[in-house]
Amino acid sequence: MDAVAYLEALQEGATITMSLEKTFWNALFGMLIDKFGIAWMVNYDFSQE
């Protein structure tokens, strides 16, 4: 899954503010602040089928 790979790549030297987890809106969601101070939000929607 690309969302997991993206978040793992950004985690080196980062401050994780919310680990990647399933949410009530049927998506994986996580947040972090990378080593450069840039805030990231990763959202992966599951198939609606």
PDB file of N, CA and C in Angstrom:
ATOM      1  N   MET A   1       0.848  -1.177   0.000  1.00  0.00           N
ATOM      2  CA  MET A   1       0.000   0.000   0.000  1.00  0.00           C
ATOM      3  C   MET A   1       0.892   1.238   0.000  1.00  0.00           C
ATOM      4  N   ASP A   2       0.628   2.175  -0.891  1.00  0.00           N
ATOM      5  CA  ASP A   2       1.466   3.356  -1.039  1.00  0.00           C
ATOM      6  C   ASP A   2       1.436   4.268   0.172  1.00  0.00           C
ATOM      7  N   ALA A   3       0.302   4.411   0.831  1.00  0.00           N
ATOM      8  CA  ALA A   3       0.192   5.306   1.987  1.00  0.00           C
ATOM      9  C   ALA A   3       1.165   4.886   3.082  1.00  0.00           C
ATOM     10  N   VAL A   4       1.283   3.596   3.333  1.00  0.00           N
ATOM     11  CA  VAL A   4       2.198   3.089   4.359  1.00  0.00           C
ATOM     12  C   VAL A   4       3.638   3.389   3.960  1.00  0.00           C
ATOM     13  N   ALA A   5       3.984   3.148   2.709  1.00  0.00           N
ATOM     14  CA  ALA A   5       5.343   3.402   2.230  1.00  0.00           C
ATOM     15  C   ALA A   5       5.692   4.889   2.305  1.00  0.00           C
ATOM     16  N   TYR A   6       4.764   5.759   1.947  1.00  0.00           N
ATOM     17  CA  TYR A   6       5.012   7.205   2.006  1.00  0.00           C
ATOM     18  C   TYR A   6       5.266   7.657   3.438  1.00  0.00           C
ATOM     19  N   LEU A   7       4.433   7.227   4.351  1.00  0.00           N
ATOM     20  CA  LEU A   7       4.581   7.646   5.740  1.00  0.00           C
ATOM     21  C   LEU A   7       5.874   7.095   6.342  1.00  0.00           C
ATOM     22  N   GLU A   8       6.210   5.847   6.032  1.00  0.00           N
ATOM     23  CA  GLU A   8       7.454   5.264   6.535  1.00  0.00           C
ATOM     24  C   GLU A   8       8.666   6.020   6.009  1.00  0.00           C
ATOM     25  N   ALA A   9       8.628   6.449   4.754  1.00  0.00           N
ATOM     26  CA  ALA A   9       9.738   7.202   4.172  1.00  0.00           C
ATOM     27  C   ALA A   9       9.906   8.566   4.833  1.00  0.00           C
ATOM     28  N   LEU A  10       8.807   9.175   5.245  1.00  0.00           N
ATOM     29  CA  LEU A  10       8.855  10.492   5.870  1.00  0.00           C
ATOM     30  C   LEU A  10       9.209  10.449   7.354  1.00  0.00           C
ATOM     31  N   GLN A  11       9.130   9.264   7.979  1.00  0.00           N
ATOM     32  CA  GLN A  11       9.270   9.160   9.432  1.00  0.00           C
ATOM     33  C   GLN A  11      10.681   9.375   9.951  1.00  0.00           C
ATOM     34  N   GLU A  12      11.708   9.202   9.130  1.00  0.00           N
ATOM     35  CA  GLU A  12      13.082   9.346   9.614  1.00  0.00           C
ATOM     36  C   GLU A  12      13.320  10.775  10.105  1.00  0.00           C
ATOM     37  N   GLY A  13      13.599  10.910  11.377  1.00  0.00           N
ATOM     38  CA  GLY A  13      13.847  12.213  11.983  1.00  0.00           C
ATOM     39  C   GLY A  13      12.597  13.043  12.203  1.00  0.00           C
ATOM     40  N   ALA A  14      11.434  12.440  12.072  1.00  0.00           N
ATOM     41  CA  ALA A  14      10.168  13.170  12.172  1.00  0.00           C
ATOM     42  C   ALA A  14       9.543  13.037  13.556  1.00  0.00           C
ATOM     43  N   THR A  15       8.596  13.917  13.830  1.00  0.00           N
ATOM     44  CA  THR A  15       7.758  13.830  15.016  1.00  0.00           C
ATOM     45  C   THR A  15       6.394  13.348  14.552  1.00  0.00           C
ATOM     46  N   ILE A  16       6.009  12.158  14.986  1.00  0.00           N
ATOM     47  CA  ILE A  16       4.724  11.594  14.583  1.00  0.00           C
ATOM     48  C   ILE A  16       3.645  12.153  15.500  1.00  0.00           C
ATOM     49  N   THR A  17       2.674  12.840  14.916  1.00  0.00           N
ATOM     50  CA  THR A  17       1.596  13.421  15.710  1.00  0.00           C
ATOM     51  C   THR A  17       0.373  12.512  15.753  1.00  0.00           C
ATOM     52  N   MET A  18       0.233  11.636  14.742  1.00  0.00           N
ATOM     53  CA  MET A  18      -0.822  10.622  14.744  1.00  0.00           C
ATOM     54  C   MET A  18      -0.332   9.474  13.878  1.00  0.00           C
ATOM     55  N   SER A  19      -0.202   8.303  14.479  1.00  0.00           N
ATOM     56  CA  SER A  19       0.254   7.149  13.709  1.00  0.00           C
ATOM     57  C   SER A  19      -0.816   6.738  12.697  1.00  0.00           C
ATOM     58  N   LEU A  20      -0.381   6.084  11.635  1.00  0.00           N
ATOM     59  CA  LEU A  20      -1.299   5.646  10.587  1.00  0.00           C
ATOM     60  C   LEU A  20      -2.254   4.602  11.147  1.00  0.00           C
ATOM     61  N   GLU A  21      -3.546   4.913  11.100  1.00  0.00           N
ATOM     62  CA  GLU A  21      -4.549   3.998  11.630  1.00  0.00           C
ATOM     63  C   GLU A  21      -5.857   4.146  10.872  1.00  0.00           C
ATOM     64  N   LYS A  22      -6.694   3.129  10.976  1.00  0.00           N
ATOM     65  CA  LYS A  22      -8.002   3.169  10.327  1.00  0.00           C
ATOM     66  C   LYS A  22      -8.909   4.139  11.076  1.00  0.00           C
ATOM     67  N   THR A  23      -9.683   4.896  10.312  1.00  0.00           N
ATOM     68  CA  THR A  23     -10.554   5.912  10.896  1.00  0.00           C
ATOM     69  C   THR A  23     -12.025   5.560  10.701  1.00  0.00           C
ATOM     70  N   PHE A  24     -12.894   6.329  11.327  1.00  0.00           N
ATOM     71  CA  PHE A  24     -14.329   6.101  11.213  1.00  0.00           C
ATOM     72  C   PHE A  24     -14.852   6.448   9.821  1.00  0.00           C
ATOM     73  N   TRP A  25     -14.097   7.217   9.018  1.00  0.00           N
ATOM     74  CA  TRP A  25     -14.547   7.547   7.662  1.00  0.00           C
ATOM     75  C   TRP A  25     -13.983   6.559   6.625  1.00  0.00           C
ATOM     76  N   ASN A  26     -13.589   5.360   7.095  1.00  0.00           N
ATOM     77  CA  ASN A  26     -13.152   4.245   6.258  1.00  0.00           C
ATOM     78  C   ASN A  26     -11.894   4.581   5.451  1.00  0.00           C
ATOM     79  N   ALA A  27     -10.910   5.098   6.133  1.00  0.00           N
ATOM     80  CA  ALA A  27      -9.636   5.414   5.494  1.00  0.00           C
ATOM     81  C   ALA A  27      -8.511   5.159   6.485  1.00  0.00           C
ATOM     82  N   LEU A  28      -7.285   5.051   5.942  1.00  0.00           N
ATOM     83  CA  LEU A  28      -6.097   5.083   6.790  1.00  0.00           C
ATOM     84  C   LEU A  28      -5.651   6.530   6.838  1.00  0.00           C
ATOM     85  N   PHE A  29      -5.294   7.019   8.020  1.00  0.00           N
ATOM     86  CA  PHE A  29      -4.919   8.414   8.175  1.00  0.00           C
ATOM     87  C   PHE A  29      -3.788   8.513   9.185  1.00  0.00           C
ATOM     88  N   GLY A  30      -2.806   9.362   8.884  1.00  0.00           N
ATOM     89  CA  GLY A  30      -1.704   9.618   9.803  1.00  0.00           C
ATOM     90  C   GLY A  30      -1.141  11.011   9.582  1.00  0.00           C
ATOM     91  N   MET A  31      -0.483  11.545  10.615  1.00  0.00           N
ATOM     92  CA  MET A  31       0.101  12.886  10.530  1.00  0.00           C
ATOM     93  C   MET A  31       1.485  12.878  11.150  1.00  0.00           C
ATOM     94  N   LEU A  32       2.372  13.721  10.598  1.00  0.00           N
ATOM     95  CA  LEU A  32       3.693  13.888  11.178  1.00  0.00           C
ATOM     96  C   LEU A  32       4.275  15.225  10.766  1.00  0.00           C
ATOM     97  N   ILE A  33       5.325  15.622  11.473  1.00  0.00           N
ATOM     98  CA  ILE A  33       6.107  16.800  11.120  1.00  0.00           C
ATOM     99  C   ILE A  33       7.489  16.279  10.786  1.00  0.00           C
ATOM    100  N   ASP A  34       7.931  16.463   9.529  1.00  0.00           N
ATOM    101  CA  ASP A  34       9.194  15.886   9.104  1.00  0.00           C
ATOM    102  C   ASP A  34      10.387  16.627   9.674  1.00  0.00           C
ATOM    103  N   LYS A  35      11.592  16.131   9.375  1.00  0.00           N
ATOM    104  CA  LYS A  35      12.817  16.695   9.947  1.00  0.00           C
ATOM    105  C   LYS A  35      13.077  18.127   9.496  1.00  0.00           C
ATOM    106  N   PHE A  36      12.348  18.609   8.493  1.00  0.00           N
ATOM    107  CA  PHE A  36      12.493  19.977   8.014  1.00  0.00           C
ATOM    108  C   PHE A  36      11.414  20.905   8.565  1.00  0.00           C
ATOM    109  N   GLY A  37      10.508  20.355   9.387  1.00  0.00           N
ATOM    110  CA  GLY A  37       9.440  21.158   9.985  1.00  0.00           C
ATOM    111  C   GLY A  37       8.185  21.239   9.137  1.00  0.00           C
ATOM    112  N   ILE A  38       8.092  20.418   8.098  1.00  0.00           N
ATOM    113  CA  ILE A  38       6.916  20.422   7.229  1.00  0.00           C
ATOM    114  C   ILE A  38       5.895  19.422   7.772  1.00  0.00           C
ATOM    115  N   ALA A  39       4.666  19.884   7.932  1.00  0.00           N
ATOM    116  CA  ALA A  39       3.592  19.020   8.432  1.00  0.00           C
ATOM    117  C   ALA A  39       2.983  18.239   7.270  1.00  0.00           C
ATOM    118  N   TRP A  40       2.781  16.939   7.500  1.00  0.00           N
ATOM    119  CA  TRP A  40       2.206  16.050   6.490  1.00  0.00           C
ATOM    120  C   TRP A  40       0.978  15.357   7.066  1.00  0.00           C
ATOM    121  N   MET A  41      -0.036  15.195   6.204  1.00  0.00           N
ATOM    122  CA  MET A  41      -1.194  14.376   6.517  1.00  0.00           C
ATOM    123  C   MET A  41      -1.335  13.374   5.379  1.00  0.00           C
ATOM    124  N   VAL A  42      -1.378  12.089   5.723  1.00  0.00           N
ATOM    125  CA  VAL A  42      -1.532  11.038   4.720  1.00  0.00           C
ATOM    126  C   VAL A  42      -2.894  10.397   4.919  1.00  0.00           C
ATOM    127  N   ASN A  43      -3.670  10.344   3.852  1.00  0.00           N
ATOM    128  CA  ASN A  43      -5.014   9.772   3.892  1.00  0.00           C
ATOM    129  C   ASN A  43      -5.142   8.794   2.730  1.00  0.00           C
ATOM    130  N   TYR A  44      -5.544   7.556   3.033  1.00  0.00           N
ATOM    131  CA  TYR A  44      -5.768   6.553   2.001  1.00  0.00           C
ATOM    132  C   TYR A  44      -7.180   6.025   2.160  1.00  0.00           C
ATOM    133  N   ASP A  45      -8.019   6.288   1.159  1.00  0.00           N
ATOM    134  CA  ASP A  45      -9.409   5.830   1.184  1.00  0.00           C
ATOM    135  C   ASP A  45      -9.488   4.386   0.703  1.00  0.00           C
ATOM    136  N   PHE A  46     -10.208   3.561   1.446  1.00  0.00           N
ATOM    137  CA  PHE A  46     -10.454   2.195   1.016  1.00  0.00           C
ATOM    138  C   PHE A  46     -11.509   2.204  -0.082  1.00  0.00           C
ATOM    139  N   SER A  47     -11.518   1.164  -0.886  1.00  0.00           N
ATOM    140  CA  SER A  47     -12.503   1.027  -1.957  1.00  0.00           C
ATOM    141  C   SER A  47     -13.912   1.040  -1.371  1.00  0.00           C
ATOM    142  N   GLN A  48     -14.811   1.699  -2.041  1.00  0.00           N
ATOM    143  CA  GLN A  48     -16.189   1.801  -1.579  1.00  0.00           C
ATOM    144  C   GLN A  48     -17.047   0.651  -2.070  1.00  0.00           C
ATOM    145  N   GLU A  49     -16.455  -0.290  -2.784  1.00  0.00           N
ATOM    146  CA  GLU A  49     -17.210  -1.426  -3.329  1.00  0.00           C
ATOM    147  C   GLU A  49     -17.467  -2.484  -2.305  1.00  0.00           C
TER     148      GLU A  49
END
